[in-house]
Structures are given as structure tokens and as C-alpha cells.
Amino acid sequence: MATKKPAVAPEKRKEMMLKFLEANICITRTEYSRLTNVTDRRASSDLQEYLAEGIIRKRGGGRSVVYIKRNQE
């Protein structure tokens, strides 16, 4: 039986994503989900929250959506 990793706190998830974005141009919902060990639904919710806060920007549409740091143009 697979052991579930403990949930990562919201602030820690944001920190992990920002660190990932320092090393990479963009992040997808799936990458965010794997990185922070959350469900796809939670990942979508978190990313929408970061968009609303202005931390990240959305690029593309549909299945090819990626998220980039706000200050990158």
C-alpha cells in the first residue's frame, strides 16, 4: 500500500512554487500538484488564489495553460 505524504501547509506550498519558478520559466497545474503533494483540485484552487493575489500570471489556454511569475514579461 502506498504511503501518503503529509499535506504541505499553504504558505509552504506558495514558497515551493516560487522557488520552482526561480529555477524554471513556468509551472503547470500538474507540476504544482506533484511538487506540493496536493490533489489536482487543490492545485487548481491554490493557483487561482495566487492569480488573484497577483503573484503569478496565466499563459495559454485549455490543456496548455502554464503559470509564470508576475514580474516576468
C-alpha atoms as a PDB file:
ATOM      1  CA  MET A   1       0.000   0.000   0.000  1.00  0.00           C
ATOM      2  CA  ALA A   2       1.334   3.436  -0.937  1.00  0.00           C
ATOM      3  CA  THR A   3       2.017   5.706   1.991  1.00  0.00           C
ATOM      4  CA  LYS A   4       0.517   9.165   1.736  1.00  0.00           C
ATOM      5  CA  LYS A   5       2.906  12.030   2.268  1.00  0.00           C
ATOM      6  CA  PRO A   6       1.762  14.574   4.829  1.00  0.00           C
ATOM      7  CA  ALA A   7      -0.025  17.627   3.480  1.00  0.00           C
ATOM      8  CA  VAL A   8       2.113  20.704   2.923  1.00  0.00           C
ATOM      9  CA  ALA A   9       0.979  23.922   4.632  1.00  0.00           C
ATOM     10  CA  PRO A  10      -0.418  26.650   2.289  1.00  0.00           C
ATOM     11  CA  GLU A  11       2.414  29.126   2.937  1.00  0.00           C
ATOM     12  CA  LYS A  12       4.970  26.381   2.333  1.00  0.00           C
ATOM     13  CA  ARG A  13       3.253  25.449  -0.956  1.00  0.00           C
ATOM     14  CA  LYS A  14       3.496  29.050  -2.143  1.00  0.00           C
ATOM     15  CA  GLU A  15       7.165  29.135  -1.158  1.00  0.00           C
ATOM     16  CA  MET A  16       7.837  25.856  -3.005  1.00  0.00           C
ATOM     17  CA  MET A  17       6.127  27.160  -6.146  1.00  0.00           C
ATOM     18  CA  LEU A  18       8.091  30.424  -6.099  1.00  0.00           C
ATOM     19  CA  LYS A  19      11.351  28.523  -5.637  1.00  0.00           C
ATOM     20  CA  PHE A  20      10.383  26.261  -8.562  1.00  0.00           C
ATOM     21  CA  LEU A  21       9.664  29.355 -10.684  1.00  0.00           C
ATOM     22  CA  GLU A  22      13.115  30.772  -9.893  1.00  0.00           C
ATOM     23  CA  ALA A  23      14.645  27.677 -11.497  1.00  0.00           C
ATOM     24  CA  ASN A  24      12.027  27.237 -14.252  1.00  0.00           C
ATOM     25  CA  ILE A  25      10.235  29.632 -16.578  1.00  0.00           C
ATOM     26  CA  CYS A  26       6.773  28.294 -15.818  1.00  0.00           C
ATOM     27  CA  ILE A  27       4.787  25.690 -13.903  1.00  0.00           C
ATOM     28  CA  THR A  28       1.738  23.657 -14.881  1.00  0.00           C
ATOM     29  CA  ARG A  29      -1.064  22.599 -12.556  1.00  0.00           C
ATOM     30  CA  THR A  30       0.198  19.005 -12.725  1.00  0.00           C
ATOM     31  CA  GLU A  31       3.755  20.049 -11.821  1.00  0.00           C
ATOM     32  CA  TYR A  32       2.411  22.146  -8.945  1.00  0.00           C
ATOM     33  CA  SER A  33       0.288  19.218  -7.758  1.00  0.00           C
ATOM     34  CA  ARG A  34       3.292  16.846  -7.751  1.00  0.00           C
ATOM     35  CA  LEU A  35       5.644  19.422  -6.252  1.00  0.00           C
ATOM     36  CA  THR A  36       3.396  20.251  -3.321  1.00  0.00           C
ATOM     37  CA  ASN A  37       1.760  16.817  -2.986  1.00  0.00           C
ATOM     38  CA  VAL A  38      -1.806  18.068  -3.330  1.00  0.00           C
ATOM     39  CA  THR A  39      -4.765  16.895  -5.429  1.00  0.00           C
ATOM     40  CA  ASP A  40      -5.447  18.446  -8.841  1.00  0.00           C
ATOM     41  CA  ARG A  41      -8.486  20.180  -7.351  1.00  0.00           C
ATOM     42  CA  ARG A  42      -6.410  21.710  -4.529  1.00  0.00           C
ATOM     43  CA  ALA A  43      -3.700  22.670  -7.037  1.00  0.00           C
ATOM     44  CA  SER A  44      -6.256  24.482  -9.227  1.00  0.00           C
ATOM     45  CA  SER A  45      -7.659  26.247  -6.190  1.00  0.00           C
ATOM     46  CA  ASP A  46      -4.193  27.342  -4.989  1.00  0.00           C
ATOM     47  CA  LEU A  47      -3.187  28.573  -8.441  1.00  0.00           C
ATOM     48  CA  GLN A  48      -6.425  30.578  -8.779  1.00  0.00           C
ATOM     49  CA  GLU A  49      -5.676  32.144  -5.404  1.00  0.00           C
ATOM     50  CA  TYR A  50      -2.120  33.079  -6.488  1.00  0.00           C
ATOM     51  CA  LEU A  51      -3.549  34.570  -9.698  1.00  0.00           C
ATOM     52  CA  ALA A  52      -5.996  36.673  -7.653  1.00  0.00           C
ATOM     53  CA  GLU A  53      -3.156  37.803  -5.382  1.00  0.00           C
ATOM     54  CA  GLY A  54      -1.148  38.822  -8.448  1.00  0.00           C
ATOM     55  CA  ILE A  55       1.787  36.528  -7.630  1.00  0.00           C
ATOM     56  CA  ILE A  56       1.585  34.631 -10.918  1.00  0.00           C
ATOM     57  CA  ARG A  57       0.149  35.126 -14.403  1.00  0.00           C
ATOM     58  CA  LYS A  58      -1.640  32.632 -16.608  1.00  0.00           C
ATOM     59  CA  ARG A  59      -0.374  31.915 -20.113  1.00  0.00           C
ATOM     60  CA  GLY A  60      -2.092  29.841 -22.768  1.00  0.00           C
ATOM     61  CA  GLY A  61      -5.457  28.128 -22.531  1.00  0.00           C
ATOM     62  CA  GLY A  62      -7.159  24.795 -22.103  1.00  0.00           C
ATOM     63  CA  ARG A  63      -4.726  21.916 -21.725  1.00  0.00           C
ATOM     64  CA  SER A  64      -1.711  24.112 -22.429  1.00  0.00           C
ATOM     65  CA  VAL A  65      -2.087  26.580 -19.546  1.00  0.00           C
ATOM     66  CA  VAL A  66       1.122  27.451 -17.747  1.00  0.00           C
ATOM     67  CA  TYR A  67       1.739  29.868 -14.895  1.00  0.00           C
ATOM     68  CA  ILE A  68       4.631  32.325 -14.769  1.00  0.00           C
ATOM     69  CA  LYS A  69       5.883  34.698 -12.114  1.00  0.00           C
ATOM     70  CA  ARG A  70       4.079  38.035 -12.267  1.00  0.00           C
ATOM     71  CA  ASN A  71       7.194  40.145 -12.845  1.00  0.00           C
ATOM     72  CA  GLN A  72       8.293  38.121 -15.889  1.00  0.00           C
ATOM     73  CA  GLU A  73       7.133  39.532 -19.194  1.00  0.00           C
END
